């Protein structure tokens, strides 16, 4: 029977981002004269986060392809 591995990384990432988004929204409603500024701050932080996630995905994909290539070479040598 396989034991399920719990991974809380998504929760650890999502919770602070959700809190940040809520804080930015509340502050933009309270200080309506700074609404554009709050939106720009939120947008820039979100863009950086998505950029980091995209780069991470590309790096992991490259590592996966290298591992597959290595596995294929090992399997080919065994034959």
PDB file of N, CA and C in Angstrom:
ATOM      1  N   UNK A   1       0.836  -1.175   0.000  1.00  0.00           N
ATOM      2  CA  UNK A   1       0.000   0.000   0.000  1.00  0.00           C
ATOM      3  C   UNK A   1       0.890   1.251   0.000  1.00  0.00           C
ATOM      4  N   UNK A   2       0.619   2.140  -0.939  1.00  0.00           N
ATOM      5  CA  UNK A   2       1.414   3.355  -1.031  1.00  0.00           C
ATOM      6  C   UNK A   2       0.951   4.373   0.009  1.00  0.00           C
ATOM      7  N   UNK A   3       1.923   5.020   0.586  1.00  0.00           N
ATOM      8  CA  UNK A   3       1.625   6.067   1.557  1.00  0.00           C
ATOM      9  C   UNK A   3       1.574   7.399   0.820  1.00  0.00           C
ATOM     10  N   UNK A   4       0.523   8.143   1.055  1.00  0.00           N
ATOM     11  CA  UNK A   4       0.367   9.429   0.383  1.00  0.00           C
ATOM     12  C   UNK A   4       1.318  10.446   1.016  1.00  0.00           C
ATOM     13  N   UNK A   5       2.086  11.093   0.171  1.00  0.00           N
ATOM     14  CA  UNK A   5       3.017  12.121   0.633  1.00  0.00           C
ATOM     15  C   UNK A   5       2.283  13.457   0.593  1.00  0.00           C
ATOM     16  N   UNK A   6       2.217  14.090   1.747  1.00  0.00           N
ATOM     17  CA  UNK A   6       1.536  15.378   1.811  1.00  0.00           C
ATOM     18  C   UNK A   6       2.500  16.485   1.416  1.00  0.00           C
ATOM     19  N   UNK A   7       2.040  17.327   0.514  1.00  0.00           N
ATOM     20  CA  UNK A   7       2.870  18.431   0.036  1.00  0.00           C
ATOM     21  C   UNK A   7       2.123  19.729   0.309  1.00  0.00           C
ATOM     22  N   UNK A   8       2.661  20.526   1.208  1.00  0.00           N
ATOM     23  CA  UNK A   8       2.002  21.758   1.612  1.00  0.00           C
ATOM     24  C   UNK A   8       2.620  22.991   0.952  1.00  0.00           C
ATOM     25  N   UNK A   9       3.437  22.787  -0.067  1.00  0.00           N
ATOM     26  CA  UNK A   9       4.090  23.934  -0.699  1.00  0.00           C
ATOM     27  C   UNK A   9       3.074  24.853  -1.366  1.00  0.00           C
ATOM     28  N   UNK A  10       2.046  24.276  -1.998  1.00  0.00           N
ATOM     29  CA  UNK A  10       1.045  25.103  -2.656  1.00  0.00           C
ATOM     30  C   UNK A  10       0.290  25.950  -1.639  1.00  0.00           C
ATOM     31  N   UNK A  11      -0.022  25.366  -0.502  1.00  0.00           N
ATOM     32  CA  UNK A  11      -0.712  26.107   0.546  1.00  0.00           C
ATOM     33  C   UNK A  11       0.177  27.210   1.104  1.00  0.00           C
ATOM     34  N   UNK A  12       1.435  26.895   1.302  1.00  0.00           N
ATOM     35  CA  UNK A  12       2.370  27.883   1.834  1.00  0.00           C
ATOM     36  C   UNK A  12       2.530  29.045   0.865  1.00  0.00           C
ATOM     37  N   UNK A  13       2.458  28.774  -0.436  1.00  0.00           N
ATOM     38  CA  UNK A  13       2.572  29.839  -1.427  1.00  0.00           C
ATOM     39  C   UNK A  13       1.256  30.592  -1.586  1.00  0.00           C
ATOM     40  N   UNK A  14       0.145  29.873  -1.626  1.00  0.00           N
ATOM     41  CA  UNK A  14      -1.150  30.487  -1.930  1.00  0.00           C
ATOM     42  C   UNK A  14      -1.668  31.369  -0.804  1.00  0.00           C
ATOM     43  N   UNK A  15      -1.489  30.944   0.431  1.00  0.00           N
ATOM     44  CA  UNK A  15      -2.042  31.696   1.554  1.00  0.00           C
ATOM     45  C   UNK A  15      -1.461  33.116   1.657  1.00  0.00           C
ATOM     46  N   UNK A  16      -0.126  33.286   1.638  1.00  0.00           N
ATOM     47  CA  UNK A  16       0.392  34.673   1.709  1.00  0.00           C
ATOM     48  C   UNK A  16      -0.003  35.516   0.501  1.00  0.00           C
ATOM     49  N   UNK A  17      -0.086  34.893  -0.675  1.00  0.00           N
ATOM     50  CA  UNK A  17      -0.485  35.654  -1.864  1.00  0.00           C
ATOM     51  C   UNK A  17      -1.946  36.087  -1.755  1.00  0.00           C
ATOM     52  N   UNK A  18      -2.796  35.207  -1.249  1.00  0.00           N
ATOM     53  CA  UNK A  18      -4.204  35.567  -1.061  1.00  0.00           C
ATOM     54  C   UNK A  18      -4.339  36.687  -0.042  1.00  0.00           C
ATOM     55  N   UNK A  19      -3.587  36.611   1.041  1.00  0.00           N
ATOM     56  CA  UNK A  19      -3.623  37.668   2.060  1.00  0.00           C
ATOM     57  C   UNK A  19      -3.119  38.986   1.465  1.00  0.00           C
ATOM     58  N   UNK A  20      -2.043  38.920   0.680  1.00  0.00           N
ATOM     59  CA  UNK A  20      -1.512  40.123   0.025  1.00  0.00           C
ATOM     60  C   UNK A  20      -2.555  40.733  -0.910  1.00  0.00           C
ATOM     61  N   UNK A  21      -3.243  39.906  -1.671  1.00  0.00           N
ATOM     62  CA  UNK A  21      -4.270  40.395  -2.596  1.00  0.00           C
ATOM     63  C   UNK A  21      -5.417  41.041  -1.834  1.00  0.00           C
ATOM     64  N   UNK A  22      -5.844  40.417  -0.749  1.00  0.00           N
ATOM     65  CA  UNK A  22      -6.935  40.980   0.058  1.00  0.00           C
ATOM     66  C   UNK A  22      -6.519  42.310   0.678  1.00  0.00           C
ATOM     67  N   UNK A  23      -5.298  42.377   1.178  1.00  0.00           N
ATOM     68  CA  UNK A  23      -4.812  43.625   1.776  1.00  0.00           C
ATOM     69  C   UNK A  23      -4.757  44.736   0.732  1.00  0.00           C
ATOM     70  N   UNK A  24      -4.250  44.427  -0.442  1.00  0.00           N
ATOM     71  CA  UNK A  24      -4.197  45.442  -1.510  1.00  0.00           C
ATOM     72  C   UNK A  24      -5.602  45.905  -1.894  1.00  0.00           C
ATOM     73  N   UNK A  25      -6.533  44.972  -1.961  1.00  0.00           N
ATOM     74  CA  UNK A  25      -7.910  45.332  -2.308  1.00  0.00           C
ATOM     75  C   UNK A  25      -8.534  46.228  -1.241  1.00  0.00           C
ATOM     76  N   UNK A  26      -8.351  45.844   0.004  1.00  0.00           N
ATOM     77  CA  UNK A  26      -8.919  46.651   1.092  1.00  0.00           C
ATOM     78  C   UNK A  26      -8.297  48.046   1.143  1.00  0.00           C
ATOM     79  N   UNK A  27      -6.995  48.104   0.983  1.00  0.00           N
ATOM     80  CA  UNK A  27      -6.337  49.410   1.013  1.00  0.00           C
ATOM     81  C   UNK A  27      -6.765  50.285  -0.161  1.00  0.00           C
ATOM     82  N   UNK A  28      -7.006  49.675  -1.307  1.00  0.00           N
ATOM     83  CA  UNK A  28      -7.441  50.470  -2.452  1.00  0.00           C
ATOM     84  C   UNK A  28      -8.861  50.997  -2.246  1.00  0.00           C
ATOM     85  N   UNK A  29      -9.689  50.254  -1.517  1.00  0.00           N
ATOM     86  CA  UNK A  29     -11.037  50.751  -1.211  1.00  0.00           C
ATOM     87  C   UNK A  29     -10.982  51.827  -0.133  1.00  0.00           C
ATOM     88  N   UNK A  30     -10.110  51.667   0.849  1.00  0.00           N
ATOM     89  CA  UNK A  30     -10.029  52.650   1.933  1.00  0.00           C
ATOM     90  C   UNK A  30      -9.412  53.952   1.430  1.00  0.00           C
ATOM     91  N   UNK A  31      -8.304  53.822   0.723  1.00  0.00           N
ATOM     92  CA  UNK A  31      -7.614  54.999   0.183  1.00  0.00           C
ATOM     93  C   UNK A  31      -7.857  55.061  -1.322  1.00  0.00           C
ATOM     94  N   UNK A  32      -9.012  55.562  -1.697  1.00  0.00           N
ATOM     95  CA  UNK A  32      -9.401  55.549  -3.111  1.00  0.00           C
ATOM     96  C   UNK A  32      -8.475  56.396  -3.982  1.00  0.00           C
ATOM     97  N   UNK A  33      -7.811  57.391  -3.395  1.00  0.00           N
ATOM     98  CA  UNK A  33      -6.900  58.212  -4.201  1.00  0.00           C
ATOM     99  C   UNK A  33      -5.637  57.443  -4.584  1.00  0.00           C
ATOM    100  N   UNK A  34      -5.347  56.343  -3.859  1.00  0.00           N
ATOM    101  CA  UNK A  34      -4.180  55.520  -4.173  1.00  0.00           C
ATOM    102  C   UNK A  34      -4.562  54.205  -4.845  1.00  0.00           C
ATOM    103  N   UNK A  35      -5.762  54.142  -5.389  1.00  0.00           N
ATOM    104  CA  UNK A  35      -6.248  52.899  -5.993  1.00  0.00           C
ATOM    105  C   UNK A  35      -5.362  52.441  -7.147  1.00  0.00           C
ATOM    106  N   UNK A  36      -4.963  53.345  -8.010  1.00  0.00           N
ATOM    107  CA  UNK A  36      -4.103  52.995  -9.146  1.00  0.00           C
ATOM    108  C   UNK A  36      -2.745  52.507  -8.657  1.00  0.00           C
ATOM    109  N   UNK A  37      -2.193  53.190  -7.670  1.00  0.00           N
ATOM    110  CA  UNK A  37      -0.901  52.796  -7.120  1.00  0.00           C
ATOM    111  C   UNK A  37      -0.969  51.393  -6.519  1.00  0.00           C
ATOM    112  N   UNK A  38      -2.021  51.108  -5.766  1.00  0.00           N
ATOM    113  CA  UNK A  38      -2.171  49.782  -5.157  1.00  0.00           C
ATOM    114  C   UNK A  38      -2.312  48.717  -6.232  1.00  0.00           C
ATOM    115  N   UNK A  39      -3.067  49.037  -7.295  1.00  0.00           N
ATOM    116  CA  UNK A  39      -3.212  48.077  -8.389  1.00  0.00           C
ATOM    117  C   UNK A  39      -1.865  47.838  -9.066  1.00  0.00           C
ATOM    118  N   UNK A  40      -1.073  48.869  -9.270  1.00  0.00           N
ATOM    119  CA  UNK A  40       0.240  48.712  -9.897  1.00  0.00           C
ATOM    120  C   UNK A  40       1.170  47.859  -9.038  1.00  0.00           C
ATOM    121  N   UNK A  41       1.139  48.078  -7.731  1.00  0.00           N
ATOM    122  CA  UNK A  41       1.968  47.272  -6.830  1.00  0.00           C
ATOM    123  C   UNK A  41       1.534  45.814  -6.894  1.00  0.00           C
ATOM    124  N   UNK A  42       0.211  45.584  -6.809  1.00  0.00           N
ATOM    125  CA  UNK A  42      -0.302  44.209  -6.868  1.00  0.00           C
ATOM    126  C   UNK A  42       0.074  43.557  -8.200  1.00  0.00           C
ATOM    127  N   UNK A  43      -0.072  44.300  -9.290  1.00  0.00           N
ATOM    128  CA  UNK A  43       0.217  43.755 -10.617  1.00  0.00           C
ATOM    129  C   UNK A  43       1.695  43.402 -10.763  1.00  0.00           C
ATOM    130  N   UNK A  44       2.574  44.270 -10.295  1.00  0.00           N
ATOM    131  CA  UNK A  44       4.005  44.002 -10.419  1.00  0.00           C
ATOM    132  C   UNK A  44       4.433  42.810  -9.579  1.00  0.00           C
ATOM    133  N   UNK A  45       3.905  42.700  -8.368  1.00  0.00           N
ATOM    134  CA  UNK A  45       4.221  41.543  -7.529  1.00  0.00           C
ATOM    135  C   UNK A  45       3.696  40.267  -8.193  1.00  0.00           C
ATOM    136  N   UNK A  46       2.488  40.315  -8.718  1.00  0.00           N
ATOM    137  CA  UNK A  46       1.918  39.144  -9.398  1.00  0.00           C
ATOM    138  C   UNK A  46       2.734  38.765 -10.631  1.00  0.00           C
ATOM    139  N   UNK A  47       3.179  39.761 -11.377  1.00  0.00           N
ATOM    140  CA  UNK A  47       3.983  39.475 -12.567  1.00  0.00           C
ATOM    141  C   UNK A  47       5.302  38.812 -12.199  1.00  0.00           C
ATOM    142  N   UNK A  48       5.934  39.284 -11.141  1.00  0.00           N
ATOM    143  CA  UNK A  48       7.197  38.674 -10.693  1.00  0.00           C
ATOM    144  C   UNK A  48       6.957  37.229 -10.249  1.00  0.00           C
ATOM    145  N   UNK A  49       5.877  37.009  -9.522  1.00  0.00           N
ATOM    146  CA  UNK A  49       5.570  35.646  -9.066  1.00  0.00           C
ATOM    147  C   UNK A  49       5.353  34.720 -10.256  1.00  0.00           C
ATOM    148  N   UNK A  50       4.576  35.158 -11.246  1.00  0.00           N
ATOM    149  CA  UNK A  50       4.331  34.319 -12.428  1.00  0.00           C
ATOM    150  C   UNK A  50       5.606  34.096 -13.230  1.00  0.00           C
ATOM    151  N   UNK A  51       6.464  35.108 -13.285  1.00  0.00           N
ATOM    152  CA  UNK A  51       7.741  34.949 -13.985  1.00  0.00           C
ATOM    153  C   UNK A  51       8.613  33.906 -13.293  1.00  0.00           C
ATOM    154  N   UNK A  52       8.668  33.969 -11.968  1.00  0.00           N
ATOM    155  CA  UNK A  52       9.444  32.980 -11.209  1.00  0.00           C
ATOM    156  C   UNK A  52       8.868  31.579 -11.427  1.00  0.00           C
ATOM    157  N   UNK A  53       7.549  31.450 -11.413  1.00  0.00           N
ATOM    158  CA  UNK A  53       6.929  30.145 -11.646  1.00  0.00           C
ATOM    159  C   UNK A  53       7.215  29.629 -13.058  1.00  0.00           C
ATOM    160  N   UNK A  54       7.194  30.509 -14.048  1.00  0.00           N
ATOM    161  CA  UNK A  54       7.469  30.093 -15.422  1.00  0.00           C
ATOM    162  C   UNK A  54       8.919  29.640 -15.574  1.00  0.00           C
ATOM    163  N   UNK A  55       9.849  30.379 -14.996  1.00  0.00           N
ATOM    164  CA  UNK A  55      11.262  29.997 -15.072  1.00  0.00           C
ATOM    165  C   UNK A  55      11.481  28.669 -14.354  1.00  0.00           C
ATOM    166  N   UNK A  56      10.844  28.499 -13.206  1.00  0.00           N
ATOM    167  CA  UNK A  56      10.954  27.244 -12.470  1.00  0.00           C
ATOM    168  C   UNK A  56      10.421  26.076 -13.296  1.00  0.00           C
ATOM    169  N   UNK A  57       9.305  26.278 -13.964  1.00  0.00           N
ATOM    170  CA  UNK A  57       8.734  25.219 -14.795  1.00  0.00           C
ATOM    171  C   UNK A  57       9.672  24.847 -15.944  1.00  0.00           C
ATOM    172  N   UNK A  58      10.282  25.835 -16.571  1.00  0.00           N
ATOM    173  CA  UNK A  58      11.215  25.561 -17.663  1.00  0.00           C
ATOM    174  C   UNK A  58      12.442  24.808 -17.152  1.00  0.00           C
ATOM    175  N   UNK A  59      12.979  25.237 -16.013  1.00  0.00           N
ATOM    176  CA  UNK A  59      14.148  24.563 -15.443  1.00  0.00           C
ATOM    177  C   UNK A  59      13.812  23.118 -15.091  1.00  0.00           C
ATOM    178  N   UNK A  60      12.664  22.895 -14.484  1.00  0.00           N
ATOM    179  CA  UNK A  60      12.262  21.531 -14.131  1.00  0.00           C
ATOM    180  C   UNK A  60      12.023  20.677 -15.364  1.00  0.00           C
ATOM    181  N   UNK A  61      11.471  21.274 -16.413  1.00  0.00           N
ATOM    182  CA  UNK A  61      11.266  20.537 -17.660  1.00  0.00           C
ATOM    183  C   UNK A  61      12.598  20.125 -18.273  1.00  0.00           C
ATOM    184  N   UNK A  62      13.568  21.013 -18.257  1.00  0.00           N
ATOM    185  CA  UNK A  62      14.901  20.689 -18.783  1.00  0.00           C
ATOM    186  C   UNK A  62      15.536  19.570 -17.963  1.00  0.00           C
ATOM    187  N   UNK A  63      15.410  19.644 -16.645  1.00  0.00           N
ATOM    188  CA  UNK A  63      15.973  18.588 -15.796  1.00  0.00           C
ATOM    189  C   UNK A  63      15.278  17.250 -16.060  1.00  0.00           C
ATOM    190  N   UNK A  64      13.966  17.287 -16.268  1.00  0.00           N
ATOM    191  CA  UNK A  64      13.227  16.063 -16.554  1.00  0.00           C
ATOM    192  C   UNK A  64      13.670  15.459 -17.879  1.00  0.00           C
ATOM    193  N   UNK A  65      13.866  16.291 -18.883  1.00  0.00           N
ATOM    194  CA  UNK A  65      14.314  15.788 -20.177  1.00  0.00           C
ATOM    195  C   UNK A  65      15.709  15.177 -20.074  1.00  0.00           C
ATOM    196  N   UNK A  66      16.580  15.786 -19.277  1.00  0.00           N
ATOM    197  CA  UNK A  66      17.918  15.219 -19.079  1.00  0.00           C
ATOM    198  C   UNK A  66      17.837  13.872 -18.378  1.00  0.00           C
ATOM    199  N   UNK A  67      16.964  13.761 -17.381  1.00  0.00           N
ATOM    200  CA  UNK A  67      16.799  12.485 -16.681  1.00  0.00           C
ATOM    201  C   UNK A  67      16.244  11.406 -17.603  1.00  0.00           C
ATOM    202  N   UNK A  68      15.300  11.774 -18.461  1.00  0.00           N
ATOM    203  CA  UNK A  68      14.749  10.807 -19.411  1.00  0.00           C
ATOM    204  C   UNK A  68      15.820  10.343 -20.390  1.00  0.00           C
ATOM    205  N   UNK A  69      16.632  11.287 -20.839  1.00  0.00           N
ATOM    206  CA  UNK A  69      17.710  10.945 -21.761  1.00  0.00           C
ATOM    207  C   UNK A  69      18.699   9.992 -21.085  1.00  0.00           C
ATOM    208  N   UNK A  70      19.052  10.279 -19.841  1.00  0.00           N
ATOM    209  CA  UNK A  70      19.963   9.428 -19.089  1.00  0.00           C
ATOM    210  C   UNK A  70      19.357   8.044 -18.876  1.00  0.00           C
ATOM    211  N   UNK A  71      18.079   7.987 -18.550  1.00  0.00           N
ATOM    212  CA  UNK A  71      17.415   6.703 -18.351  1.00  0.00           C
ATOM    213  C   UNK A  71      17.403   5.890 -19.643  1.00  0.00           C
ATOM    214  N   UNK A  72      17.148   6.557 -20.748  1.00  0.00           N
ATOM    215  CA  UNK A  72      17.152   5.862 -22.036  1.00  0.00           C
ATOM    216  C   UNK A  72      18.540   5.324 -22.369  1.00  0.00           C
ATOM    217  N   UNK A  73      19.583   6.098 -22.051  1.00  0.00           N
ATOM    218  CA  UNK A  73      20.950   5.619 -22.300  1.00  0.00           C
ATOM    219  C   UNK A  73      21.273   4.406 -21.435  1.00  0.00           C
ATOM    220  N   UNK A  74      20.844   4.426 -20.183  1.00  0.00           N
ATOM    221  CA  UNK A  74      21.103   3.287 -19.292  1.00  0.00           C
ATOM    222  C   UNK A  74      20.351   2.067 -19.776  1.00  0.00           C
ATOM    223  N   UNK A  75      19.105   2.236 -20.157  1.00  0.00           N
ATOM    224  CA  UNK A  75      18.313   1.105 -20.666  1.00  0.00           C
ATOM    225  C   UNK A  75      18.895   0.560 -21.971  1.00  0.00           C
ATOM    226  N   UNK A  76      19.423   1.435 -22.792  1.00  0.00           N
ATOM    227  CA  UNK A  76      20.008   1.005 -24.060  1.00  0.00           C
ATOM    228  C   UNK A  76      21.290   0.206 -23.814  1.00  0.00           C
ATOM    229  N   UNK A  77      22.088   0.583 -22.823  1.00  0.00           N
ATOM    230  CA  UNK A  77      23.321  -0.130 -22.508  1.00  0.00           C
ATOM    231  C   UNK A  77      23.041  -1.516 -21.938  1.00  0.00           C
ATOM    232  N   UNK A  78      21.945  -1.662 -21.199  1.00  0.00           N
ATOM    233  CA  UNK A  78      21.604  -2.953 -20.610  1.00  0.00           C
ATOM    234  C   UNK A  78      21.245  -3.962 -21.702  1.00  0.00           C
ATOM    235  N   UNK A  79      20.669  -3.481 -22.782  1.00  0.00           N
ATOM    236  CA  UNK A  79      20.259  -4.386 -23.859  1.00  0.00           C
ATOM    237  C   UNK A  79      21.438  -4.832 -24.622  1.00  0.00           C
TER     238      UNK A  79
END
